[in-house]
Amino acid sequence: MSKIIKVVKLSTPEETRVSLRNIVNQLEVNNYAVTSDMNAVRLFSRFVPKNYKDNTIIFSRPANKIRGVSIITVKPDFVIEKCGEYSFKIKAK
């Protein structure tokens, strides 16, 4: 799993870029990210390849259904290594 995943486009608004940067930073440090920016979650999800979504990265909402909050989790067997502000690699531990 050495593919670099870049989760931003040139036309992405600045607010969404900040949220995407925060998501990547949280994933690198904690192996999970919590955000309320649904546009950033959709964009992040769109750029993550399907095989990673099925086996490595989990997109979920809290059990108590807090409005507007999403949780992105990386399975414990894997870690995120940042390769730039908006790009990263997924590596096995």
Protein backbone atom coordinates (compact mmCIF):
# COMPACT_ATOMS: atom_id res chain seq x y z
CA MET A 1 0.00 0.00 0.00
CA SER A 2 2.39 2.65 -1.16
CA LYS A 3 0.07 4.74 -3.31
CA ILE A 4 -0.01 8.45 -2.46
CA ILE A 5 -3.57 9.65 -1.98
CA LYS A 6 -4.20 13.35 -2.60
CA VAL A 7 -7.57 14.55 -1.28
CA VAL A 8 -7.87 18.05 -2.73
CA LYS A 9 -8.60 19.58 -6.13
CA LEU A 10 -7.39 22.90 -7.50
CA SER A 11 -10.91 24.35 -7.30
CA THR A 12 -11.50 23.36 -3.65
CA PRO A 13 -12.63 26.33 -1.50
CA GLU A 14 -10.24 27.49 1.24
CA GLU A 15 -12.58 26.50 4.14
CA THR A 16 -12.79 22.94 2.80
CA ARG A 17 -9.01 22.86 2.30
CA VAL A 18 -8.52 23.74 5.98
CA SER A 19 -10.93 20.97 7.01
CA LEU A 20 -9.17 18.45 4.75
CA ARG A 21 -5.79 19.45 6.19
CA ASN A 22 -7.20 18.97 9.71
CA ILE A 23 -8.60 15.53 8.78
CA VAL A 24 -5.23 14.36 7.42
CA ASN A 25 -3.42 15.74 10.50
CA GLN A 26 -5.84 14.02 12.90
CA LEU A 27 -5.56 10.73 11.03
CA GLU A 28 -1.77 10.88 11.19
CA VAL A 29 -1.67 11.59 14.93
CA ASN A 30 -4.70 9.70 16.30
CA ASN A 31 -5.69 7.20 13.57
CA TYR A 32 -9.15 8.82 13.61
CA ALA A 33 -10.61 12.20 12.69
CA VAL A 34 -13.78 13.95 13.82
CA THR A 35 -15.25 16.71 11.67
CA SER A 36 -18.47 18.57 11.09
CA ASP A 37 -17.60 19.73 7.56
CA MET A 38 -19.67 17.38 5.39
CA ASN A 39 -18.22 18.81 2.16
CA ALA A 40 -14.72 17.86 3.33
CA VAL A 41 -15.88 14.34 4.27
CA ARG A 42 -17.50 13.86 0.85
CA LEU A 43 -14.41 15.12 -0.95
CA PHE A 44 -12.10 12.99 1.22
CA SER A 45 -14.27 9.94 0.56
CA ARG A 46 -14.33 10.60 -3.18
CA PHE A 47 -10.53 10.61 -3.48
CA VAL A 48 -9.83 7.56 -1.29
CA PRO A 49 -9.68 4.46 -3.55
CA LYS A 50 -12.41 1.87 -3.07
CA ASN A 51 -10.08 -0.89 -1.88
CA TYR A 52 -8.95 1.36 1.01
CA LYS A 53 -12.55 2.23 1.91
CA ASP A 54 -13.46 -1.44 2.16
CA ASN A 55 -10.42 -2.68 4.08
CA THR A 56 -8.59 0.20 5.78
CA ILE A 57 -10.54 3.43 6.28
CA ILE A 58 -13.97 3.46 7.93
CA PHE A 59 -16.43 6.35 7.50
CA SER A 60 -19.11 6.51 10.19
CA ARG A 61 -21.50 8.68 12.16
CA PRO A 62 -21.84 8.57 15.97
CA ALA A 63 -24.36 6.15 17.47
CA ASN A 64 -26.37 8.97 19.08
CA LYS A 65 -26.66 10.58 15.62
CA ILE A 66 -25.24 13.98 16.52
CA ARG A 67 -26.25 16.16 13.60
CA GLY A 68 -23.46 17.08 11.24
CA VAL A 69 -20.62 15.07 12.79
CA SER A 70 -18.64 12.38 10.96
CA ILE A 71 -15.86 10.11 12.15
CA ILE A 72 -13.15 8.77 9.85
CA THR A 73 -11.15 5.90 11.35
CA VAL A 74 -8.09 4.01 10.15
CA LYS A 75 -8.05 0.36 11.23
CA PRO A 76 -5.50 -0.38 14.00
CA ASP A 77 -3.32 -2.49 11.69
CA PHE A 78 -2.50 0.56 9.55
CA VAL A 79 -1.00 4.04 9.98
CA ILE A 80 -1.15 7.22 7.93
CA GLU A 81 2.08 8.85 6.76
CA LYS A 82 1.68 12.43 5.51
CA CYS A 83 3.34 13.24 2.19
CA GLY A 84 2.19 16.87 1.97
CA GLU A 85 -0.54 19.09 3.36
CA TYR A 86 -3.34 17.20 1.61
CA SER A 87 -1.74 13.88 0.68
CA PHE A 88 -0.78 10.74 2.54
CA LYS A 89 0.20 7.08 2.28
CA ILE A 90 -1.38 4.20 4.16
CA LYS A 91 1.17 1.78 5.61
CA ALA A 92 0.80 -1.47 7.54
CA LYS A 93 2.19 -1.43 11.08
